[in-house]
PDB file of N, CA and C in Angstrom:
ATOM      1  N   MET A   1     -16.562  17.983  -4.196  1.00  0.00           N
ATOM      2  CA  MET A   1     -16.652  16.625  -3.649  1.00  0.00           C
ATOM      3  C   MET A   1     -15.376  15.835  -3.936  1.00  0.00           C
ATOM      4  N   LYS A   2     -14.896  15.913  -5.175  1.00  0.00           N
ATOM      5  CA  LYS A   2     -13.710  15.142  -5.550  1.00  0.00           C
ATOM      6  C   LYS A   2     -12.492  15.607  -4.766  1.00  0.00           C
ATOM      7  N   LYS A   3     -12.324  16.918  -4.596  1.00  0.00           N
ATOM      8  CA  LYS A   3     -11.191  17.451  -3.854  1.00  0.00           C
ATOM      9  C   LYS A   3     -11.245  16.984  -2.405  1.00  0.00           C
ATOM     10  N   SER A   4     -12.432  16.949  -1.833  1.00  0.00           N
ATOM     11  CA  SER A   4     -12.623  16.497  -0.461  1.00  0.00           C
ATOM     12  C   SER A   4     -12.233  15.028  -0.315  1.00  0.00           C
ATOM     13  N   ASN A   5     -12.608  14.196  -1.290  1.00  0.00           N
ATOM     14  CA  ASN A   5     -12.240  12.777  -1.270  1.00  0.00           C
ATOM     15  C   ASN A   5     -10.731  12.610  -1.368  1.00  0.00           C
ATOM     16  N   TYR A   6     -10.087  13.431  -2.188  1.00  0.00           N
ATOM     17  CA  TYR A   6      -8.636  13.370  -2.332  1.00  0.00           C
ATOM     18  C   TYR A   6      -7.968  13.696  -1.002  1.00  0.00           C
ATOM     19  N   LYS A   7      -8.401  14.782  -0.359  1.00  0.00           N
ATOM     20  CA  LYS A   7      -7.825  15.179   0.929  1.00  0.00           C
ATOM     21  C   LYS A   7      -8.057  14.105   1.982  1.00  0.00           C
ATOM     22  N   SER A   8      -9.244  13.533   1.977  1.00  0.00           N
ATOM     23  CA  SER A   8      -9.580  12.485   2.934  1.00  0.00           C
ATOM     24  C   SER A   8      -8.705  11.253   2.717  1.00  0.00           C
ATOM     25  N   GLY A   9      -8.445  10.921   1.451  1.00  0.00           N
ATOM     26  CA  GLY A   9      -7.572   9.784   1.131  1.00  0.00           C
ATOM     27  C   GLY A   9      -6.138  10.039   1.560  1.00  0.00           C
ATOM     28  N   LYS A  10      -5.658  11.262   1.348  1.00  0.00           N
ATOM     29  CA  LYS A  10      -4.297  11.609   1.773  1.00  0.00           C
ATOM     30  C   LYS A  10      -4.184  11.574   3.297  1.00  0.00           C
ATOM     31  N   LEU A  11      -5.222  12.021   3.980  1.00  0.00           N
ATOM     32  CA  LEU A  11      -5.237  11.963   5.442  1.00  0.00           C
ATOM     33  C   LEU A  11      -5.197  10.501   5.909  1.00  0.00           C
ATOM     34  N   ALA A  12      -5.912   9.624   5.225  1.00  0.00           N
ATOM     35  CA  ALA A  12      -5.886   8.194   5.551  1.00  0.00           C
ATOM     36  C   ALA A  12      -4.471   7.638   5.387  1.00  0.00           C
ATOM     37  N   GLU A  13      -3.763   8.068   4.347  1.00  0.00           N
ATOM     38  CA  GLU A  13      -2.379   7.613   4.147  1.00  0.00           C
ATOM     39  C   GLU A  13      -1.479   8.087   5.291  1.00  0.00           C
ATOM     40  N   ILE A  14      -1.667   9.315   5.734  1.00  0.00           N
ATOM     41  CA  ILE A  14      -0.874   9.840   6.854  1.00  0.00           C
ATOM     42  C   ILE A  14      -1.155   9.036   8.121  1.00  0.00           C
ATOM     43  N   PHE A  15      -2.434   8.787   8.401  1.00  0.00           N
ATOM     44  CA  PHE A  15      -2.802   7.983   9.581  1.00  0.00           C
ATOM     45  C   PHE A  15      -2.197   6.582   9.487  1.00  0.00           C
ATOM     46  N   ALA A  16      -2.256   5.986   8.298  1.00  0.00           N
ATOM     47  CA  ALA A  16      -1.702   4.635   8.116  1.00  0.00           C
ATOM     48  C   ALA A  16      -0.205   4.631   8.420  1.00  0.00           C
ATOM     49  N   LYS A  17       0.518   5.644   7.948  1.00  0.00           N
ATOM     50  CA  LYS A  17       1.964   5.713   8.209  1.00  0.00           C
ATOM     51  C   LYS A  17       2.245   5.858   9.705  1.00  0.00           C
ATOM     52  N   ILE A  18       1.453   6.650  10.384  1.00  0.00           N
ATOM     53  CA  ILE A  18       1.641   6.830  11.833  1.00  0.00           C
ATOM     54  C   ILE A  18       1.388   5.512  12.563  1.00  0.00           C
ATOM     55  N   ILE A  19       0.310   4.836  12.209  1.00  0.00           N
ATOM     56  CA  ILE A  19      -0.029   3.562  12.847  1.00  0.00           C
ATOM     57  C   ILE A  19       1.054   2.523  12.568  1.00  0.00           C
ATOM     58  N   LEU A  20       1.513   2.462  11.324  1.00  0.00           N
ATOM     59  CA  LEU A  20       2.574   1.519  10.965  1.00  0.00           C
ATOM     60  C   LEU A  20       3.842   1.798  11.763  1.00  0.00           C
ATOM     61  N   PHE A  21       4.185   3.074  11.915  1.00  0.00           N
ATOM     62  CA  PHE A  21       5.364   3.454  12.698  1.00  0.00           C
ATOM     63  C   PHE A  21       5.260   2.899  14.117  1.00  0.00           C
ATOM     64  N   PHE A  22       4.088   3.065  14.725  1.00  0.00           N
ATOM     65  CA  PHE A  22       3.911   2.581  16.097  1.00  0.00           C
ATOM     66  C   PHE A  22       3.829   1.060  16.175  1.00  0.00           C
ATOM     67  N   LYS A  23       3.591   0.397  15.034  1.00  0.00           N
ATOM     68  CA  LYS A  23       3.619  -1.064  14.987  1.00  0.00           C
ATOM     69  C   LYS A  23       5.024  -1.584  14.691  1.00  0.00           C
ATOM     70  N   GLY A  24       5.991  -0.681  14.568  1.00  0.00           N
ATOM     71  CA  GLY A  24       7.375  -1.099  14.365  1.00  0.00           C
ATOM     72  C   GLY A  24       7.848  -1.146  12.928  1.00  0.00           C
ATOM     73  N   TYR A  25       7.087  -0.573  12.008  1.00  0.00           N
ATOM     74  CA  TYR A  25       7.484  -0.544  10.604  1.00  0.00           C
ATOM     75  C   TYR A  25       8.304   0.708  10.321  1.00  0.00           C
ATOM     76  N   LYS A  26       9.249   0.573   9.402  1.00  0.00           N
ATOM     77  CA  LYS A  26      10.001   1.724   8.903  1.00  0.00           C
ATOM     78  C   LYS A  26       9.408   2.076   7.543  1.00  0.00           C
ATOM     79  N   ILE A  27       8.996   3.309   7.363  1.00  0.00           N
ATOM     80  CA  ILE A  27       8.443   3.737   6.079  1.00  0.00           C
ATOM     81  C   ILE A  27       9.619   3.991   5.129  1.00  0.00           C
ATOM     82  N   ILE A  28       9.658   3.256   4.038  1.00  0.00           N
ATOM     83  CA  ILE A  28      10.721   3.419   3.045  1.00  0.00           C
ATOM     84  C   ILE A  28      10.378   4.579   2.106  1.00  0.00           C
ATOM     85  N   THR A  29       9.163   4.559   1.588  1.00  0.00           N
ATOM     86  CA  THR A  29       8.700   5.620   0.694  1.00  0.00           C
ATOM     87  C   THR A  29       7.182   5.575   0.624  1.00  0.00           C
ATOM     88  N   SER A  30       6.615   6.641   0.089  1.00  0.00           N
ATOM     89  CA  SER A  30       5.176   6.647  -0.145  1.00  0.00           C
ATOM     90  C   SER A  30       4.900   7.236  -1.521  1.00  0.00           C
ATOM     91  N   ASN A  31       3.767   6.866  -2.060  1.00  0.00           N
ATOM     92  CA  ASN A  31       3.341   7.307  -3.391  1.00  0.00           C
ATOM     93  C   ASN A  31       4.400   6.995  -4.449  1.00  0.00           C
ATOM     94  N   PHE A  32       4.890   5.750  -4.419  1.00  0.00           N
ATOM     95  CA  PHE A  32       5.914   5.282  -5.352  1.00  0.00           C
ATOM     96  C   PHE A  32       5.295   5.019  -6.718  1.00  0.00           C
ATOM     97  N   VAL A  33       5.857   5.650  -7.754  1.00  0.00           N
ATOM     98  CA  VAL A  33       5.397   5.471  -9.130  1.00  0.00           C
ATOM     99  C   VAL A  33       6.607   5.120  -9.982  1.00  0.00           C
ATOM    100  N   THR A  34       6.473   4.108 -10.839  1.00  0.00           N
ATOM    101  CA  THR A  34       7.607   3.676 -11.655  1.00  0.00           C
ATOM    102  C   THR A  34       7.735   4.466 -12.946  1.00  0.00           C
ATOM    103  N   GLY A  35       6.658   4.960 -13.483  1.00  0.00           N
ATOM    104  CA  GLY A  35       6.731   5.726 -14.726  1.00  0.00           C
ATOM    105  C   GLY A  35       5.783   5.210 -15.777  1.00  0.00           C
ATOM    106  N   ARG A  36       5.691   5.962 -16.840  1.00  0.00           N
ATOM    107  CA  ARG A  36       4.766   5.639 -17.932  1.00  0.00           C
ATOM    108  C   ARG A  36       5.184   4.372 -18.666  1.00  0.00           C
ATOM    109  N   GLY A  37       4.178   3.662 -19.165  1.00  0.00           N
ATOM    110  CA  GLY A  37       4.445   2.504 -19.995  1.00  0.00           C
ATOM    111  C   GLY A  37       4.835   1.241 -19.246  1.00  0.00           C
ATOM    112  N   THR A  38       4.813   1.291 -17.923  1.00  0.00           N
ATOM    113  CA  THR A  38       5.217   0.115 -17.147  1.00  0.00           C
ATOM    114  C   THR A  38       4.012  -0.717 -16.707  1.00  0.00           C
ATOM    115  N   HIS A  39       2.814  -0.222 -16.946  1.00  0.00           N
ATOM    116  CA  HIS A  39       1.583  -0.868 -16.489  1.00  0.00           C
ATOM    117  C   HIS A  39       1.597  -1.034 -14.974  1.00  0.00           C
ATOM    118  N   ALA A  40       2.249  -0.105 -14.310  1.00  0.00           N
ATOM    119  CA  ALA A  40       2.342  -0.143 -12.851  1.00  0.00           C
ATOM    120  C   ALA A  40       1.525   0.995 -12.269  1.00  0.00           C
ATOM    121  N   GLY A  41       0.931   0.731 -11.148  1.00  0.00           N
ATOM    122  CA  GLY A  41       0.184   1.758 -10.452  1.00  0.00           C
ATOM    123  C   GLY A  41       0.991   2.309  -9.301  1.00  0.00           C
ATOM    124  N   GLU A  42       0.486   3.379  -8.753  1.00  0.00           N
ATOM    125  CA  GLU A  42       1.134   3.985  -7.594  1.00  0.00           C
ATOM    126  C   GLU A  42       1.000   3.053  -6.390  1.00  0.00           C
ATOM    127  N   ILE A  43       2.070   2.920  -5.643  1.00  0.00           N
ATOM    128  CA  ILE A  43       2.028   2.168  -4.391  1.00  0.00           C
ATOM    129  C   ILE A  43       1.960   3.204  -3.279  1.00  0.00           C
ATOM    130  N   ASP A  44       0.898   3.146  -2.496  1.00  0.00           N
ATOM    131  CA  ASP A  44       0.676   4.179  -1.482  1.00  0.00           C
ATOM    132  C   ASP A  44       1.802   4.234  -0.466  1.00  0.00           C
ATOM    133  N   ILE A  45       2.165   3.082   0.089  1.00  0.00           N
ATOM    134  CA  ILE A  45       3.220   3.037   1.108  1.00  0.00           C
ATOM    135  C   ILE A  45       4.067   1.788   0.888  1.00  0.00           C
ATOM    136  N   ILE A  46       5.378   1.974   0.973  1.00  0.00           N
ATOM    137  CA  ILE A  46       6.290   0.832   1.014  1.00  0.00           C
ATOM    138  C   ILE A  46       6.987   0.925   2.359  1.00  0.00           C
ATOM    139  N   ALA A  47       6.857  -0.137   3.154  1.00  0.00           N
ATOM    140  CA  ALA A  47       7.408  -0.145   4.508  1.00  0.00           C
ATOM    141  C   ALA A  47       8.212  -1.418   4.725  1.00  0.00           C
ATOM    142  N   GLN A  48       8.983  -1.415   5.795  1.00  0.00           N
ATOM    143  CA  GLN A  48       9.789  -2.595   6.109  1.00  0.00           C
ATOM    144  C   GLN A  48       9.713  -2.881   7.599  1.00  0.00           C
ATOM    145  N   LYS A  49       9.616  -4.155   7.922  1.00  0.00           N
ATOM    146  CA  LYS A  49       9.690  -4.625   9.304  1.00  0.00           C
ATOM    147  C   LYS A  49      10.586  -5.851   9.281  1.00  0.00           C
ATOM    148  N   SER A  50      11.697  -5.783   9.950  1.00  0.00           N
ATOM    149  CA  SER A  50      12.776  -6.782   9.907  1.00  0.00           C
ATOM    150  C   SER A  50      13.147  -7.029   8.444  1.00  0.00           C
ATOM    151  N   ASN A  51      13.061  -8.253   7.949  1.00  0.00           N
ATOM    152  CA  ASN A  51      13.455  -8.508   6.562  1.00  0.00           C
ATOM    153  C   ASN A  51      12.265  -8.543   5.599  1.00  0.00           C
ATOM    154  N   ILE A  52      11.108  -8.069   6.042  1.00  0.00           N
ATOM    155  CA  ILE A  52       9.905  -8.083   5.202  1.00  0.00           C
ATOM    156  C   ILE A  52       9.654  -6.687   4.640  1.00  0.00           C
ATOM    157  N   ILE A  53       9.572  -6.613   3.329  1.00  0.00           N
ATOM    158  CA  ILE A  53       9.177  -5.366   2.667  1.00  0.00           C
ATOM    159  C   ILE A  53       7.710  -5.507   2.297  1.00  0.00           C
ATOM    160  N   VAL A  54       6.938  -4.501   2.700  1.00  0.00           N
ATOM    161  CA  VAL A  54       5.485  -4.560   2.557  1.00  0.00           C
ATOM    162  C   VAL A  54       5.018  -3.452   1.610  1.00  0.00           C
ATOM    163  N   PHE A  55       4.239  -3.842   0.625  1.00  0.00           N
ATOM    164  CA  PHE A  55       3.627  -2.909  -0.321  1.00  0.00           C
ATOM    165  C   PHE A  55       2.177  -2.730   0.124  1.00  0.00           C
ATOM    166  N   ILE A  56       1.819  -1.500   0.478  1.00  0.00           N
ATOM    167  CA  ILE A  56       0.546  -1.257   1.162  1.00  0.00           C
ATOM    168  C   ILE A  56      -0.364  -0.356   0.334  1.00  0.00           C
ATOM    169  N   GLU A  57      -1.575  -0.816   0.114  1.00  0.00           N
ATOM    170  CA  GLU A  57      -2.616  -0.025  -0.529  1.00  0.00           C
ATOM    171  C   GLU A  57      -3.526   0.522   0.570  1.00  0.00           C
ATOM    172  N   VAL A  58      -3.751   1.825   0.547  1.00  0.00           N
ATOM    173  CA  VAL A  58      -4.615   2.481   1.539  1.00  0.00           C
ATOM    174  C   VAL A  58      -5.911   2.864   0.846  1.00  0.00           C
ATOM    175  N   LYS A  59      -7.032   2.488   1.455  1.00  0.00           N
ATOM    176  CA  LYS A  59      -8.345   2.834   0.909  1.00  0.00           C
ATOM    177  C   LYS A  59      -9.234   3.379   2.014  1.00  0.00           C
ATOM    178  N   LYS A  60      -9.944   4.456   1.700  1.00  0.00           N
ATOM    179  CA  LYS A  60     -10.931   5.015   2.625  1.00  0.00           C
ATOM    180  C   LYS A  60     -12.260   5.092   1.893  1.00  0.00           C
ATOM    181  N   ARG A  61     -13.257   4.496   2.491  1.00  0.00           N
ATOM    182  CA  ARG A  61     -14.606   4.491   1.930  1.00  0.00           C
ATOM    183  C   ARG A  61     -15.612   4.656   3.076  1.00  0.00           C
ATOM    184  N   THR A  62     -16.871   4.592   2.760  1.00  0.00           N
ATOM    185  CA  THR A  62     -17.920   4.748   3.757  1.00  0.00           C
ATOM    186  C   THR A  62     -17.816   3.680   4.841  1.00  0.00           C
ATOM    187  N   SER A  63     -17.530   2.454   4.435  1.00  0.00           N
ATOM    188  CA  SER A  63     -17.384   1.354   5.392  1.00  0.00           C
ATOM    189  C   SER A  63     -16.087   0.603   5.110  1.00  0.00           C
ATOM    190  N   LEU A  64     -15.638  -0.178   6.085  1.00  0.00           N
ATOM    191  CA  LEU A  64     -14.437  -0.999   5.883  1.00  0.00           C
ATOM    192  C   LEU A  64     -14.657  -2.008   4.765  1.00  0.00           C
ATOM    193  N   GLU A  65     -15.871  -2.550   4.702  1.00  0.00           N
ATOM    194  CA  GLU A  65     -16.198  -3.522   3.651  1.00  0.00           C
ATOM    195  C   GLU A  65     -16.110  -2.870   2.267  1.00  0.00           C
ATOM    196  N   ASP A  66     -16.662  -1.657   2.133  1.00  0.00           N
ATOM    197  CA  ASP A  66     -16.568  -0.941   0.848  1.00  0.00           C
ATOM    198  C   ASP A  66     -15.111  -0.680   0.483  1.00  0.00           C
ATOM    199  N   ALA A  67     -14.304  -0.323   1.478  1.00  0.00           N
ATOM    200  CA  ALA A  67     -12.879  -0.069   1.228  1.00  0.00           C
ATOM    201  C   ALA A  67     -12.192  -1.337   0.726  1.00  0.00           C
ATOM    202  N   ALA A  68     -12.495  -2.468   1.352  1.00  0.00           N
ATOM    203  CA  ALA A  68     -11.875  -3.735   0.952  1.00  0.00           C
ATOM    204  C   ALA A  68     -12.257  -4.107  -0.481  1.00  0.00           C
ATOM    205  N   TYR A  69     -13.520  -3.952  -0.824  1.00  0.00           N
ATOM    206  CA  TYR A  69     -13.978  -4.340  -2.158  1.00  0.00           C
ATOM    207  C   TYR A  69     -13.573  -3.338  -3.239  1.00  0.00           C
ATOM    208  N   SER A  70     -13.080  -2.181  -2.849  1.00  0.00           N
ATOM    209  CA  SER A  70     -12.682  -1.184  -3.844  1.00  0.00           C
ATOM    210  C   SER A  70     -11.309  -1.481  -4.448  1.00  0.00           C
ATOM    211  N   ILE A  71     -10.582  -2.431  -3.884  1.00  0.00           N
ATOM    212  CA  ILE A  71      -9.277  -2.812  -4.450  1.00  0.00           C
ATOM    213  C   ILE A  71      -9.530  -3.933  -5.458  1.00  0.00           C
ATOM    214  N   LYS A  72      -9.609  -3.542  -6.715  1.00  0.00           N
ATOM    215  CA  LYS A  72      -9.941  -4.480  -7.789  1.00  0.00           C
ATOM    216  C   LYS A  72      -8.696  -5.230  -8.279  1.00  0.00           C
ATOM    217  N   ASN A  73      -8.915  -6.351  -8.962  1.00  0.00           N
ATOM    218  CA  ASN A  73      -7.813  -7.185  -9.453  1.00  0.00           C
ATOM    219  C   ASN A  73      -6.871  -6.423 -10.383  1.00  0.00           C
ATOM    220  N   GLN A  74      -7.413  -5.554 -11.237  1.00  0.00           N
ATOM    221  CA  GLN A  74      -6.577  -4.780 -12.153  1.00  0.00           C
ATOM    222  C   GLN A  74      -5.636  -3.862 -11.361  1.00  0.00           C
ATOM    223  N   GLN A  75      -6.144  -3.251 -10.294  1.00  0.00           N
ATOM    224  CA  GLN A  75      -5.309  -2.391  -9.462  1.00  0.00           C
ATOM    225  C   GLN A  75      -4.244  -3.217  -8.740  1.00  0.00           C
ATOM    226  N   LYS A  76      -4.624  -4.379  -8.235  1.00  0.00           N
ATOM    227  CA  LYS A  76      -3.652  -5.259  -7.578  1.00  0.00           C
ATOM    228  C   LYS A  76      -2.512  -5.598  -8.533  1.00  0.00           C
ATOM    229  N   GLN A  77      -2.846  -5.898  -9.788  1.00  0.00           N
ATOM    230  CA  GLN A  77      -1.817  -6.254 -10.763  1.00  0.00           C
ATOM    231  C   GLN A  77      -0.901  -5.074 -11.036  1.00  0.00           C
ATOM    232  N   ARG A  78      -1.441  -3.866 -11.111  1.00  0.00           N
ATOM    233  CA  ARG A  78      -0.595  -2.685 -11.322  1.00  0.00           C
ATOM    234  C   ARG A  78       0.347  -2.475 -10.134  1.00  0.00           C
ATOM    235  N   ILE A  79      -0.149  -2.731  -8.923  1.00  0.00           N
ATOM    236  CA  ILE A  79       0.693  -2.603  -7.731  1.00  0.00           C
ATOM    237  C   ILE A  79       1.795  -3.670  -7.750  1.00  0.00           C
ATOM    238  N   ILE A  80       1.436  -4.871  -8.147  1.00  0.00           N
ATOM    239  CA  ILE A  80       2.432  -5.949  -8.278  1.00  0.00           C
ATOM    240  C   ILE A  80       3.518  -5.532  -9.266  1.00  0.00           C
ATOM    241  N   ASN A  81       3.123  -4.951 -10.398  1.00  0.00           N
ATOM    242  CA  ASN A  81       4.102  -4.503 -11.391  1.00  0.00           C
ATOM    243  C   ASN A  81       5.000  -3.411 -10.812  1.00  0.00           C
ATOM    244  N   GLY A  82       4.425  -2.498 -10.057  1.00  0.00           N
ATOM    245  CA  GLY A  82       5.219  -1.458  -9.402  1.00  0.00           C
ATOM    246  C   GLY A  82       6.170  -2.054  -8.380  1.00  0.00           C
ATOM    247  N   ALA A  83       5.703  -3.059  -7.644  1.00  0.00           N
ATOM    248  CA  ALA A  83       6.543  -3.727  -6.645  1.00  0.00           C
ATOM    249  C   ALA A  83       7.731  -4.409  -7.320  1.00  0.00           C
ATOM    250  N   LYS A  84       7.502  -5.046  -8.457  1.00  0.00           N
ATOM    251  CA  LYS A  84       8.595  -5.698  -9.189  1.00  0.00           C
ATOM    252  C   LYS A  84       9.656  -4.673  -9.574  1.00  0.00           C
ATOM    253  N   SER A  85       9.212  -3.508 -10.014  1.00  0.00           N
ATOM    254  CA  SER A  85      10.146  -2.444 -10.382  1.00  0.00           C
ATOM    255  C   SER A  85      10.930  -1.962  -9.167  1.00  0.00           C
ATOM    256  N   PHE A  86      10.255  -1.816  -8.042  1.00  0.00           N
ATOM    257  CA  PHE A  86      10.920  -1.384  -6.810  1.00  0.00           C
ATOM    258  C   PHE A  86      11.954  -2.420  -6.366  1.00  0.00           C
ATOM    259  N   ILE A  87      11.584  -3.682  -6.437  1.00  0.00           N
ATOM    260  CA  ILE A  87      12.461  -4.769  -5.984  1.00  0.00           C
ATOM    261  C   ILE A  87      13.747  -4.818  -6.806  1.00  0.00           C
ATOM    262  N   LYS A  88      13.669  -4.493  -8.095  1.00  0.00           N
ATOM    263  CA  LYS A  88      14.867  -4.480  -8.951  1.00  0.00           C
ATOM    264  C   LYS A  88      15.903  -3.474  -8.439  1.00  0.00           C
ATOM    265  N   GLN A  89      15.453  -2.457  -7.708  1.00  0.00           N
ATOM    266  CA  GLN A  89      16.351  -1.420  -7.202  1.00  0.00           C
ATOM    267  C   GLN A  89      17.034  -1.808  -5.884  1.00  0.00           C
ATOM    268  N   LEU A  90      16.574  -2.901  -5.277  1.00  0.00           N
ATOM    269  CA  LEU A  90      17.099  -3.297  -3.970  1.00  0.00           C
ATOM    270  C   LEU A  90      18.470  -3.952  -4.078  1.00  0.00           C
ATOM    271  N   ASP A  91      19.182  -3.941  -2.972  1.00  0.00           N
ATOM    272  CA  ASP A  91      20.467  -4.635  -2.861  1.00  0.00           C
ATOM    273  C   ASP A  91      20.197  -6.136  -2.949  1.00  0.00           C
ATOM    274  N   SER A  92      20.668  -6.756  -4.010  1.00  0.00           N
ATOM    275  CA  SER A  92      20.376  -8.180  -4.230  1.00  0.00           C
ATOM    276  C   SER A  92      21.111  -9.084  -3.243  1.00  0.00           C
ATOM    277  N   ASN A  93      22.049  -8.529  -2.476  1.00  0.00           N
ATOM    278  CA  ASN A  93      22.767  -9.335  -1.491  1.00  0.00           C
ATOM    279  C   ASN A  93      21.953  -9.556  -0.214  1.00  0.00           C
ATOM    280  N   LYS A  94      20.909  -8.788  -0.057  1.00  0.00           N
ATOM    281  CA  LYS A  94      20.087  -8.933   1.149  1.00  0.00           C
ATOM    282  C   LYS A  94      18.919  -9.866   0.869  1.00  0.00           C
ATOM    283  N   ASN A  95      18.556 -10.629   1.884  1.00  0.00           N
ATOM    284  CA  ASN A  95      17.466 -11.587   1.757  1.00  0.00           C
ATOM    285  C   ASN A  95      16.179 -10.950   2.280  1.00  0.00           C
ATOM    286  N   HIS A  96      15.316 -10.542   1.363  1.00  0.00           N
ATOM    287  CA  HIS A  96      14.051  -9.916   1.746  1.00  0.00           C
ATOM    288  C   HIS A  96      12.885 -10.857   1.457  1.00  0.00           C
ATOM    289  N   ASN A  97      11.866 -10.744   2.276  1.00  0.00           N
ATOM    290  CA  ASN A  97      10.567 -11.337   1.972  1.00  0.00           C
ATOM    291  C   ASN A  97       9.646 -10.185   1.622  1.00  0.00           C
ATOM    292  N   PHE A  98       8.592 -10.487   0.869  1.00  0.00           N
ATOM    293  CA  PHE A  98       7.691  -9.443   0.392  1.00  0.00           C
ATOM    294  C   PHE A  98       6.250  -9.841   0.653  1.00  0.00           C
ATOM    295  N   ARG A  99       5.413  -8.823   0.858  1.00  0.00           N
ATOM    296  CA  ARG A  99       3.975  -9.101   0.952  1.00  0.00           C
ATOM    297  C   ARG A  99       3.192  -7.844   0.584  1.00  0.00           C
ATOM    298  N   TYR A 100       1.915  -8.064   0.302  1.00  0.00           N
ATOM    299  CA  TYR A 100       0.989  -6.979  -0.020  1.00  0.00           C
ATOM    300  C   TYR A 100      -0.029  -6.876   1.101  1.00  0.00           C
ATOM    301  N   ASP A 101      -0.155  -5.680   1.651  1.00  0.00           N
ATOM    302  CA  ASP A 101      -1.132  -5.420   2.701  1.00  0.00           C
ATOM    303  C   ASP A 101      -2.146  -4.392   2.223  1.00  0.00           C
ATOM    304  N   ALA A 102      -3.277  -4.370   2.890  1.00  0.00           N
ATOM    305  CA  ALA A 102      -4.285  -3.328   2.668  1.00  0.00           C
ATOM    306  C   ALA A 102      -4.519  -2.631   4.004  1.00  0.00           C
ATOM    307  N   PHE A 103      -4.625  -1.330   3.945  1.00  0.00           N
ATOM    308  CA  PHE A 103      -4.947  -0.533   5.128  1.00  0.00           C
ATOM    309  C   PHE A 103      -6.257   0.154   4.816  1.00  0.00           C
ATOM    310  N   LEU A 104      -7.309  -0.247   5.504  1.00  0.00           N
ATOM    311  CA  LEU A 104      -8.657   0.211   5.199  1.00  0.00           C
ATOM    312  C   LEU A 104      -9.169   1.161   6.271  1.00  0.00           C
ATOM    313  N   PHE A 105      -9.882   2.202   5.822  1.00  0.00           N
ATOM    314  CA  PHE A 105     -10.503   3.160   6.727  1.00  0.00           C
ATOM    315  C   PHE A 105     -11.968   3.338   6.339  1.00  0.00           C
ATOM    316  N   ASP A 106     -12.824   3.523   7.361  1.00  0.00           N
ATOM    317  CA  ASP A 106     -14.204   3.890   7.063  1.00  0.00           C
ATOM    318  C   ASP A 106     -14.350   5.406   7.197  1.00  0.00           C
ATOM    319  N   LYS A 107     -15.570   5.904   7.046  1.00  0.00           N
ATOM    320  CA  LYS A 107     -15.774   7.361   7.026  1.00  0.00           C
ATOM    321  C   LYS A 107     -15.434   8.028   8.358  1.00  0.00           C
ATOM    322  N   LYS A 108     -15.418   7.265   9.446  1.00  0.00           N
ATOM    323  CA  LYS A 108     -15.064   7.823  10.754  1.00  0.00           C
ATOM    324  C   LYS A 108     -13.609   7.515  11.123  1.00  0.00           C
ATOM    325  N   PHE A 109     -12.862   7.036  10.159  1.00  0.00           N
ATOM    326  CA  PHE A 109     -11.449   6.688  10.306  1.00  0.00           C
ATOM    327  C   PHE A 109     -11.209   5.496  11.236  1.00  0.00           C
ATOM    328  N   LYS A 110     -12.227   4.662  11.397  1.00  0.00           N
ATOM    329  CA  LYS A 110     -11.996   3.350  12.011  1.00  0.00           C
ATOM    330  C   LYS A 110     -11.178   2.587  10.972  1.00  0.00           C
ATOM    331  N   PHE A 111     -10.180   1.809  11.430  1.00  0.00           N
ATOM    332  CA  PHE A 111      -9.295   1.190  10.453  1.00  0.00           C
ATOM    333  C   PHE A 111      -9.120  -0.302  10.683  1.00  0.00           C
ATOM    334  N   LYS A 112      -8.616  -0.935   9.625  1.00  0.00           N
ATOM    335  CA  LYS A 112      -8.258  -2.350   9.675  1.00  0.00           C
ATOM    336  C   LYS A 112      -7.026  -2.546   8.804  1.00  0.00           C
ATOM    337  N   HIS A 113      -6.006  -3.176   9.373  1.00  0.00           N
ATOM    338  CA  HIS A 113      -4.777  -3.496   8.638  1.00  0.00           C
ATOM    339  C   HIS A 113      -4.845  -4.970   8.290  1.00  0.00           C
ATOM    340  N   ILE A 114      -4.911  -5.271   7.005  1.00  0.00           N
ATOM    341  CA  ILE A 114      -4.979  -6.662   6.549  1.00  0.00           C
ATOM    342  C   ILE A 114      -3.624  -7.045   5.974  1.00  0.00           C
ATOM    343  N   LYS A 115      -2.927  -7.930   6.696  1.00  0.00           N
ATOM    344  CA  LYS A 115      -1.646  -8.436   6.218  1.00  0.00           C
ATOM    345  C   LYS A 115      -1.893  -9.514   5.172  1.00  0.00           C
ATOM    346  N   ASN A 116      -1.008  -9.590   4.183  1.00  0.00           N
ATOM    347  CA  ASN A 116      -1.171 -10.562   3.090  1.00  0.00           C
ATOM    348  C   ASN A 116      -2.547 -10.453   2.448  1.00  0.00           C
ATOM    349  N   ALA A 117      -2.914  -9.237   2.085  1.00  0.00           N
ATOM    350  CA  ALA A 117      -4.245  -8.980   1.535  1.00  0.00           C
ATOM    351  C   ALA A 117      -4.471  -9.687   0.201  1.00  0.00           C
ATOM    352  N   TRP A 118      -3.402  -9.907  -0.549  1.00  0.00           N
ATOM    353  CA  TRP A 118      -3.498 -10.722  -1.758  1.00  0.00           C
ATOM    354  C   TRP A 118      -2.159 -11.387  -2.006  1.00  0.00           C
ATOM    355  N   GLU A 119      -2.170 -12.332  -2.934  1.00  0.00           N
ATOM    356  CA  GLU A 119      -1.006 -13.180  -3.155  1.00  0.00           C
ATOM    357  C   GLU A 119       0.074 -12.475  -3.961  1.00  0.00           C
ATOM    358  N   LEU A 120       1.297 -12.862  -3.696  1.00  0.00           N
ATOM    359  CA  LEU A 120       2.432 -12.358  -4.447  1.00  0.00           C
ATOM    360  C   LEU A 120       2.479 -13.001  -5.804  1.00  0.00           C
ATOM    361  N   ASP A 121       3.048 -12.298  -6.755  1.00  0.00           N
ATOM    362  CA  ASP A 121       3.180 -12.816  -8.126  1.00  0.00           C
ATOM    363  C   ASP A 121       4.582 -12.479  -8.626  1.00  0.00           C
ATOM    364  N   PHE A 122       5.567 -13.267  -8.219  1.00  0.00           N
ATOM    365  CA  PHE A 122       6.953 -12.998  -8.614  1.00  0.00           C
ATOM    366  C   PHE A 122       7.486 -14.138  -9.444  1.00  0.00           C
TER     367      PHE A 122
END
């Protein structure tokens, strides 16, 4: 069961990247991890559209509502910490805006892309 959920989650990430591509986003990286001791979590997808860099959490659950509620505050904070680490690596001469999105899938792969899913903390 656990292996099946893992594969299903990875498939959701692939679908999200394809959909984002067709929406005009450039995928910068996926499964970004900063390292141990940073209190940062993995960021599923980091994408860019014009001057906006988007940190995207992908969730697949039985329903879209279950997927949305599965992103807990502690996980959001770890993603924020990972985003801060990623931002430190950027060219400081460029003017970027940042946001956090959620890409939700239900069991039949119906999806919802929520822009600005939670607030920035910089």
